Amino acid sequence: MSDVRVLATDLEFPEGPVVMPDGSVVLVEIRGQRLTRVHPDGRKEIVAKVPGGPNGAALGPTARSTSATMAASPGFRPAR
């Protein structure tokens, strides 16, 4: 089993990590409402503000990151 290493702390509900070609990791912070890049040295960079609850990230064909957002209002409840 390989060793586990903490890359970053103080993230606000991280989801959807994507490893980028340069070795950094791009993820969404749902509670922080942003797309964040964590560099291999642990430095964090806010890539974009994403209001509405970002809930996933993906790497597109041009090696650019994309995020998905929950489009519901805070009071949204599923129909039964």
PDB file of N, CA and C in Angstrom:
ATOM      1  N   MET A   1       0.846  -1.174   0.000  1.00  0.00           N
ATOM      2  CA  MET A   1       0.000   0.000   0.000  1.00  0.00           C
ATOM      3  C   MET A   1       0.893   1.239   0.000  1.00  0.00           C
ATOM      4  N   SER A   2       0.537   2.218  -0.799  1.00  0.00           N
ATOM      5  CA  SER A   2       1.346   3.434  -0.879  1.00  0.00           C
ATOM      6  C   SER A   2       0.998   4.392   0.255  1.00  0.00           C
ATOM      7  N   ASP A   3       1.884   5.315   0.506  1.00  0.00           N
ATOM      8  CA  ASP A   3       1.658   6.314   1.540  1.00  0.00           C
ATOM      9  C   ASP A   3       0.621   7.324   1.075  1.00  0.00           C
ATOM     10  N   VAL A   4      -0.143   7.834   2.031  1.00  0.00           N
ATOM     11  CA  VAL A   4      -1.131   8.868   1.753  1.00  0.00           C
ATOM     12  C   VAL A   4      -0.519  10.202   2.158  1.00  0.00           C
ATOM     13  N   ARG A   5      -0.693  11.207   1.306  1.00  0.00           N
ATOM     14  CA  ARG A   5      -0.139  12.536   1.583  1.00  0.00           C
ATOM     15  C   ARG A   5      -1.252  13.569   1.471  1.00  0.00           C
ATOM     16  N   VAL A   6      -1.361  14.449   2.448  1.00  0.00           N
ATOM     17  CA  VAL A   6      -2.338  15.530   2.422  1.00  0.00           C
ATOM     18  C   VAL A   6      -1.798  16.635   1.521  1.00  0.00           C
ATOM     19  N   LEU A   7      -2.579  16.995   0.497  1.00  0.00           N
ATOM     20  CA  LEU A   7      -2.157  18.050  -0.429  1.00  0.00           C
ATOM     21  C   LEU A   7      -2.595  19.433   0.031  1.00  0.00           C
ATOM     22  N   ALA A   8      -3.782  19.519   0.658  1.00  0.00           N
ATOM     23  CA  ALA A   8      -4.312  20.822   1.060  1.00  0.00           C
ATOM     24  C   ALA A   8      -5.273  20.651   2.224  1.00  0.00           C
ATOM     25  N   THR A   9      -5.393  21.696   3.008  1.00  0.00           N
ATOM     26  CA  THR A   9      -6.356  21.726   4.107  1.00  0.00           C
ATOM     27  C   THR A   9      -7.218  22.970   3.952  1.00  0.00           C
ATOM     28  N   ASP A  10      -8.223  23.076   4.789  1.00  0.00           N
ATOM     29  CA  ASP A  10      -9.121  24.236   4.802  1.00  0.00           C
ATOM     30  C   ASP A  10      -9.881  24.418   3.495  1.00  0.00           C
ATOM     31  N   LEU A  11     -10.263  23.312   2.871  1.00  0.00           N
ATOM     32  CA  LEU A  11     -11.129  23.367   1.695  1.00  0.00           C
ATOM     33  C   LEU A  11     -12.568  23.298   2.188  1.00  0.00           C
ATOM     34  N   GLU A  12     -13.491  23.953   1.474  1.00  0.00           N
ATOM     35  CA  GLU A  12     -14.882  24.006   1.892  1.00  0.00           C
ATOM     36  C   GLU A  12     -15.733  23.032   1.083  1.00  0.00           C
ATOM     37  N   PHE A  13     -15.829  21.796   1.571  1.00  0.00           N
ATOM     38  CA  PHE A  13     -16.603  20.707   0.971  1.00  0.00           C
ATOM     39  C   PHE A  13     -16.097  20.411  -0.438  1.00  0.00           C
ATOM     40  N   PRO A  14     -14.859  19.899  -0.562  1.00  0.00           N
ATOM     41  CA  PRO A  14     -14.288  19.602  -1.879  1.00  0.00           C
ATOM     42  C   PRO A  14     -14.962  18.408  -2.553  1.00  0.00           C
ATOM     43  N   GLU A  15     -15.126  18.483  -3.851  1.00  0.00           N
ATOM     44  CA  GLU A  15     -15.738  17.425  -4.661  1.00  0.00           C
ATOM     45  C   GLU A  15     -15.083  17.399  -6.036  1.00  0.00           C
ATOM     46  N   GLY A  16     -15.211  16.277  -6.723  1.00  0.00           N
ATOM     47  CA  GLY A  16     -14.841  16.152  -8.130  1.00  0.00           C
ATOM     48  C   GLY A  16     -13.401  16.449  -8.461  1.00  0.00           C
ATOM     49  N   PRO A  17     -12.434  15.911  -7.726  1.00  0.00           N
ATOM     50  CA  PRO A  17     -11.043  16.228  -8.058  1.00  0.00           C
ATOM     51  C   PRO A  17     -10.632  15.691  -9.424  1.00  0.00           C
ATOM     52  N   VAL A  18      -9.878  16.495 -10.156  1.00  0.00           N
ATOM     53  CA  VAL A  18      -9.365  16.120 -11.470  1.00  0.00           C
ATOM     54  C   VAL A  18      -7.866  16.416 -11.484  1.00  0.00           C
ATOM     55  N   VAL A  19      -7.059  15.414 -11.832  1.00  0.00           N
ATOM     56  CA  VAL A  19      -5.612  15.620 -11.936  1.00  0.00           C
ATOM     57  C   VAL A  19      -5.313  16.234 -13.297  1.00  0.00           C
ATOM     58  N   MET A  20      -4.630  17.369 -13.285  1.00  0.00           N
ATOM     59  CA  MET A  20      -4.302  18.092 -14.506  1.00  0.00           C
ATOM     60  C   MET A  20      -2.957  17.609 -15.054  1.00  0.00           C
ATOM     61  N   PRO A  21      -2.680  17.863 -16.331  1.00  0.00           N
ATOM     62  CA  PRO A  21      -1.423  17.410 -16.941  1.00  0.00           C
ATOM     63  C   PRO A  21      -0.160  17.891 -16.210  1.00  0.00           C
ATOM     64  N   ASP A  22      -0.239  19.043 -15.527  1.00  0.00           N
ATOM     65  CA  ASP A  22       0.937  19.563 -14.819  1.00  0.00           C
ATOM     66  C   ASP A  22       1.100  18.987 -13.416  1.00  0.00           C
ATOM     67  N   GLY A  23       0.211  18.053 -13.021  1.00  0.00           N
ATOM     68  CA  GLY A  23       0.301  17.429 -11.701  1.00  0.00           C
ATOM     69  C   GLY A  23      -0.528  18.118 -10.637  1.00  0.00           C
ATOM     70  N   SER A  24      -1.108  19.260 -10.955  1.00  0.00           N
ATOM     71  CA  SER A  24      -1.991  19.922  -9.996  1.00  0.00           C
ATOM     72  C   SER A  24      -3.341  19.206  -9.995  1.00  0.00           C
ATOM     73  N   VAL A  25      -4.161  19.518  -8.996  1.00  0.00           N
ATOM     74  CA  VAL A  25      -5.495  18.934  -8.889  1.00  0.00           C
ATOM     75  C   VAL A  25      -6.500  20.081  -8.886  1.00  0.00           C
ATOM     76  N   VAL A  26      -7.491  20.003  -9.772  1.00  0.00           N
ATOM     77  CA  VAL A  26      -8.568  20.985  -9.805  1.00  0.00           C
ATOM     78  C   VAL A  26      -9.786  20.326  -9.183  1.00  0.00           C
ATOM     79  N   LEU A  27     -10.471  21.063  -8.310  1.00  0.00           N
ATOM     80  CA  LEU A  27     -11.668  20.544  -7.649  1.00  0.00           C
ATOM     81  C   LEU A  27     -12.639  21.678  -7.415  1.00  0.00           C
ATOM     82  N   VAL A  28     -13.881  21.316  -7.148  1.00  0.00           N
ATOM     83  CA  VAL A  28     -14.857  22.330  -6.773  1.00  0.00           C
ATOM     84  C   VAL A  28     -14.972  22.323  -5.258  1.00  0.00           C
ATOM     85  N   GLU A  29     -15.254  23.479  -4.711  1.00  0.00           N
ATOM     86  CA  GLU A  29     -15.568  23.599  -3.294  1.00  0.00           C
ATOM     87  C   GLU A  29     -17.038  23.993  -3.224  1.00  0.00           C
ATOM     88  N   ILE A  30     -17.888  23.023  -2.874  1.00  0.00           N
ATOM     89  CA  ILE A  30     -19.331  23.269  -2.888  1.00  0.00           C
ATOM     90  C   ILE A  30     -19.685  24.422  -1.958  1.00  0.00           C
ATOM     91  N   ARG A  31     -19.292  24.322  -0.703  1.00  0.00           N
ATOM     92  CA  ARG A  31     -19.629  25.368   0.259  1.00  0.00           C
ATOM     93  C   ARG A  31     -18.902  26.675  -0.065  1.00  0.00           C
ATOM     94  N   GLY A  32     -17.700  26.596  -0.581  1.00  0.00           N
ATOM     95  CA  GLY A  32     -16.934  27.792  -0.934  1.00  0.00           C
ATOM     96  C   GLY A  32     -17.358  28.420  -2.251  1.00  0.00           C
ATOM     97  N   GLN A  33     -18.150  27.695  -3.037  1.00  0.00           N
ATOM     98  CA  GLN A  33     -18.669  28.155  -4.327  1.00  0.00           C
ATOM     99  C   GLN A  33     -17.550  28.626  -5.255  1.00  0.00           C
ATOM    100  N   ARG A  34     -16.558  27.744  -5.423  1.00  0.00           N
ATOM    101  CA  ARG A  34     -15.435  28.102  -6.295  1.00  0.00           C
ATOM    102  C   ARG A  34     -14.785  26.862  -6.883  1.00  0.00           C
ATOM    103  N   LEU A  35     -14.051  27.088  -7.959  1.00  0.00           N
ATOM    104  CA  LEU A  35     -13.216  26.084  -8.600  1.00  0.00           C
ATOM    105  C   LEU A  35     -11.794  26.400  -8.150  1.00  0.00           C
ATOM    106  N   THR A  36     -11.130  25.424  -7.532  1.00  0.00           N
ATOM    107  CA  THR A  36      -9.815  25.648  -6.928  1.00  0.00           C
ATOM    108  C   THR A  36      -8.791  24.698  -7.520  1.00  0.00           C
ATOM    109  N   ARG A  37      -7.593  25.213  -7.757  1.00  0.00           N
ATOM    110  CA  ARG A  37      -6.471  24.381  -8.203  1.00  0.00           C
ATOM    111  C   ARG A  37      -5.517  24.239  -7.026  1.00  0.00           C
ATOM    112  N   VAL A  38      -5.136  22.991  -6.722  1.00  0.00           N
ATOM    113  CA  VAL A  38      -4.145  22.722  -5.686  1.00  0.00           C
ATOM    114  C   VAL A  38      -2.874  22.261  -6.395  1.00  0.00           C
ATOM    115  N   HIS A  39      -1.819  23.029  -6.251  1.00  0.00           N
ATOM    116  CA  HIS A  39      -0.542  22.720  -6.895  1.00  0.00           C
ATOM    117  C   HIS A  39       0.199  21.637  -6.112  1.00  0.00           C
ATOM    118  N   PRO A  40       1.123  20.916  -6.741  1.00  0.00           N
ATOM    119  CA  PRO A  40       1.856  19.843  -6.059  1.00  0.00           C
ATOM    120  C   PRO A  40       2.557  20.286  -4.774  1.00  0.00           C
ATOM    121  N   ASP A  41       2.899  21.572  -4.674  1.00  0.00           N
ATOM    122  CA  ASP A  41       3.549  22.070  -3.455  1.00  0.00           C
ATOM    123  C   ASP A  41       2.545  22.458  -2.371  1.00  0.00           C
ATOM    124  N   GLY A  42       1.223  22.250  -2.637  1.00  0.00           N
ATOM    125  CA  GLY A  42       0.183  22.551  -1.661  1.00  0.00           C
ATOM    126  C   GLY A  42      -0.426  23.935  -1.794  1.00  0.00           C
ATOM    127  N   ARG A  43       0.139  24.767  -2.635  1.00  0.00           N
ATOM    128  CA  ARG A  43      -0.401  26.113  -2.846  1.00  0.00           C
ATOM    129  C   ARG A  43      -1.770  26.014  -3.508  1.00  0.00           C
ATOM    130  N   LYS A  44      -2.738  26.813  -3.025  1.00  0.00           N
ATOM    131  CA  LYS A  44      -4.087  26.823  -3.584  1.00  0.00           C
ATOM    132  C   LYS A  44      -4.295  28.083  -4.414  1.00  0.00           C
ATOM    133  N   GLU A  45      -5.013  27.925  -5.515  1.00  0.00           N
ATOM    134  CA  GLU A  45      -5.300  29.038  -6.425  1.00  0.00           C
ATOM    135  C   GLU A  45      -6.780  28.978  -6.777  1.00  0.00           C
ATOM    136  N   ILE A  46      -7.500  30.071  -6.560  1.00  0.00           N
ATOM    137  CA  ILE A  46      -8.908  30.124  -6.962  1.00  0.00           C
ATOM    138  C   ILE A  46      -8.940  30.363  -8.464  1.00  0.00           C
ATOM    139  N   VAL A  47      -9.508  29.406  -9.195  1.00  0.00           N
ATOM    140  CA  VAL A  47      -9.591  29.491 -10.652  1.00  0.00           C
ATOM    141  C   VAL A  47     -10.812  30.301 -11.059  1.00  0.00           C
ATOM    142  N   ALA A  48     -11.939  30.076 -10.374  1.00  0.00           N
ATOM    143  CA  ALA A  48     -13.173  30.789 -10.702  1.00  0.00           C
ATOM    144  C   ALA A  48     -14.131  30.731  -9.530  1.00  0.00           C
ATOM    145  N   LYS A  49     -14.952  31.748  -9.402  1.00  0.00           N
ATOM    146  CA  LYS A  49     -16.064  31.745  -8.454  1.00  0.00           C
ATOM    147  C   LYS A  49     -17.228  31.090  -9.186  1.00  0.00           C
ATOM    148  N   VAL A  50     -17.897  30.142  -8.516  1.00  0.00           N
ATOM    149  CA  VAL A  50     -18.981  29.394  -9.157  1.00  0.00           C
ATOM    150  C   VAL A  50     -20.188  29.409  -8.223  1.00  0.00           C
ATOM    151  N   PRO A  51     -21.021  30.452  -8.293  1.00  0.00           N
ATOM    152  CA  PRO A  51     -22.179  30.518  -7.412  1.00  0.00           C
ATOM    153  C   PRO A  51     -23.194  29.426  -7.730  1.00  0.00           C
ATOM    154  N   GLY A  52     -23.966  29.049  -6.728  1.00  0.00           N
ATOM    155  CA  GLY A  52     -25.035  28.087  -6.944  1.00  0.00           C
ATOM    156  C   GLY A  52     -24.690  26.669  -6.566  1.00  0.00           C
ATOM    157  N   GLY A  53     -23.559  26.422  -5.962  1.00  0.00           N
ATOM    158  CA  GLY A  53     -23.226  25.073  -5.511  1.00  0.00           C
ATOM    159  C   GLY A  53     -22.562  24.218  -6.563  1.00  0.00           C
ATOM    160  N   PRO A  54     -21.324  24.513  -6.937  1.00  0.00           N
ATOM    161  CA  PRO A  54     -20.632  23.660  -7.909  1.00  0.00           C
ATOM    162  C   PRO A  54     -20.546  22.241  -7.374  1.00  0.00           C
ATOM    163  N   ASN A  55     -20.726  21.250  -8.232  1.00  0.00           N
ATOM    164  CA  ASN A  55     -20.803  19.878  -7.740  1.00  0.00           C
ATOM    165  C   ASN A  55     -20.079  18.902  -8.648  1.00  0.00           C
ATOM    166  N   GLY A  56     -18.956  19.271  -9.187  1.00  0.00           N
ATOM    167  CA  GLY A  56     -18.182  18.349  -9.999  1.00  0.00           C
ATOM    168  C   GLY A  56     -17.263  19.094 -10.937  1.00  0.00           C
ATOM    169  N   ALA A  57     -16.204  18.425 -11.336  1.00  0.00           N
ATOM    170  CA  ALA A  57     -15.257  19.005 -12.284  1.00  0.00           C
ATOM    171  C   ALA A  57     -14.864  17.926 -13.277  1.00  0.00           C
ATOM    172  N   ALA A  58     -14.455  18.339 -14.457  1.00  0.00           N
ATOM    173  CA  ALA A  58     -14.023  17.396 -15.495  1.00  0.00           C
ATOM    174  C   ALA A  58     -12.937  18.056 -16.326  1.00  0.00           C
ATOM    175  N   LEU A  59     -12.146  17.239 -16.964  1.00  0.00           N
ATOM    176  CA  LEU A  59     -11.095  17.721 -17.852  1.00  0.00           C
ATOM    177  C   LEU A  59     -11.579  17.539 -19.282  1.00  0.00           C
ATOM    178  N   GLY A  60     -11.688  18.641 -20.016  1.00  0.00           N
ATOM    179  CA  GLY A  60     -12.177  18.585 -21.384  1.00  0.00           C
ATOM    180  C   GLY A  60     -11.092  18.190 -22.367  1.00  0.00           C
ATOM    181  N   PRO A  61     -11.446  18.040 -23.645  1.00  0.00           N
ATOM    182  CA  PRO A  61     -10.501  17.585 -24.665  1.00  0.00           C
ATOM    183  C   PRO A  61      -9.338  18.547 -24.904  1.00  0.00           C
ATOM    184  N   THR A  62      -9.483  19.802 -24.516  1.00  0.00           N
ATOM    185  CA  THR A  62      -8.393  20.766 -24.690  1.00  0.00           C
ATOM    186  C   THR A  62      -7.599  20.944 -23.402  1.00  0.00           C
ATOM    187  N   ALA A  63      -7.775  20.016 -22.450  1.00  0.00           N
ATOM    188  CA  ALA A  63      -7.106  20.048 -21.141  1.00  0.00           C
ATOM    189  C   ALA A  63      -7.502  21.266 -20.322  1.00  0.00           C
ATOM    190  N   ARG A  64      -8.703  21.778 -20.568  1.00  0.00           N
ATOM    191  CA  ARG A  64      -9.241  22.861 -19.750  1.00  0.00           C
ATOM    192  C   ARG A  64     -10.236  22.249 -18.784  1.00  0.00           C
ATOM    193  N   SER A  65     -10.321  22.802 -17.586  1.00  0.00           N
ATOM    194  CA  SER A  65     -11.241  22.246 -16.599  1.00  0.00           C
ATOM    195  C   SER A  65     -12.626  22.854 -16.760  1.00  0.00           C
ATOM    196  N   THR A  66     -13.630  22.086 -16.392  1.00  0.00           N
ATOM    197  CA  THR A  66     -15.020  22.487 -16.468  1.00  0.00           C
ATOM    198  C   THR A  66     -15.681  22.086 -15.169  1.00  0.00           C
ATOM    199  N   SER A  67     -16.644  22.859 -14.701  1.00  0.00           N
ATOM    200  CA  SER A  67     -17.366  22.462 -13.494  1.00  0.00           C
ATOM    201  C   SER A  67     -18.855  22.407 -13.774  1.00  0.00           C
ATOM    202  N   ALA A  68     -19.547  21.584 -13.001  1.00  0.00           N
ATOM    203  CA  ALA A  68     -21.000  21.485 -13.082  1.00  0.00           C
ATOM    204  C   ALA A  68     -21.577  22.175 -11.853  1.00  0.00           C
ATOM    205  N   THR A  69     -22.736  22.794 -12.017  1.00  0.00           N
ATOM    206  CA  THR A  69     -23.359  23.525 -10.922  1.00  0.00           C
ATOM    207  C   THR A  69     -24.770  23.019 -10.700  1.00  0.00           C
ATOM    208  N   MET A  70     -25.144  22.927  -9.432  1.00  0.00           N
ATOM    209  CA  MET A  70     -26.524  22.595  -9.102  1.00  0.00           C
ATOM    210  C   MET A  70     -27.334  23.857  -9.347  1.00  0.00           C
ATOM    211  N   ALA A  71     -28.299  23.796 -10.221  1.00  0.00           N
ATOM    212  CA  ALA A  71     -29.030  24.998 -10.624  1.00  0.00           C
ATOM    213  C   ALA A  71     -30.249  25.277  -9.759  1.00  0.00           C
ATOM    214  N   ALA A  72     -30.476  24.483  -8.739  1.00  0.00           N
ATOM    215  CA  ALA A  72     -31.656  24.665  -7.900  1.00  0.00           C
ATOM    216  C   ALA A  72     -31.460  25.813  -6.920  1.00  0.00           C
ATOM    217  N   SER A  73     -32.555  26.395  -6.515  1.00  0.00           N
ATOM    218  CA  SER A  73     -32.486  27.424  -5.484  1.00  0.00           C
ATOM    219  C   SER A  73     -32.254  26.751  -4.136  1.00  0.00           C
ATOM    220  N   PRO A  74     -31.795  27.500  -3.124  1.00  0.00           N
ATOM    221  CA  PRO A  74     -31.537  26.891  -1.818  1.00  0.00           C
ATOM    222  C   PRO A  74     -32.761  26.217  -1.210  1.00  0.00           C
ATOM    223  N   GLY A  75     -33.961  26.626  -1.602  1.00  0.00           N
ATOM    224  CA  GLY A  75     -35.175  26.033  -1.055  1.00  0.00           C
ATOM    225  C   GLY A  75     -35.725  24.887  -1.883  1.00  0.00           C
ATOM    226  N   PHE A  76     -34.980  24.407  -2.863  1.00  0.00           N
ATOM    227  CA  PHE A  76     -35.440  23.343  -3.764  1.00  0.00           C
ATOM    228  C   PHE A  76     -35.724  22.063  -3.004  1.00  0.00           C
ATOM    229  N   ARG A  77     -36.858  21.433  -3.300  1.00  0.00           N
ATOM    230  CA  ARG A  77     -37.208  20.130  -2.741  1.00  0.00           C
ATOM    231  C   ARG A  77     -37.719  19.257  -3.880  1.00  0.00           C
ATOM    232  N   PRO A  78     -37.247  18.007  -3.985  1.00  0.00           N
ATOM    233  CA  PRO A  78     -37.721  17.126  -5.051  1.00  0.00           C
ATOM    234  C   PRO A  78     -39.221  16.856  -4.932  1.00  0.00           C
ATOM    235  N   ALA A  79     -39.892  16.726  -6.081  1.00  0.00           N
ATOM    236  CA  ALA A  79     -41.316  16.380  -6.082  1.00  0.00           C
ATOM    237  C   ALA A  79     -41.476  14.923  -5.692  1.00  0.00           C
ATOM    238  N   ARG A  80     -42.573  14.614  -5.042  1.00  0.00           N
ATOM    239  CA  ARG A  80     -42.837  13.216  -4.646  1.00  0.00           C
ATOM    240  C   ARG A  80     -43.984  12.652  -5.432  1.00  0.00           C
TER     241      ARG A  80
END
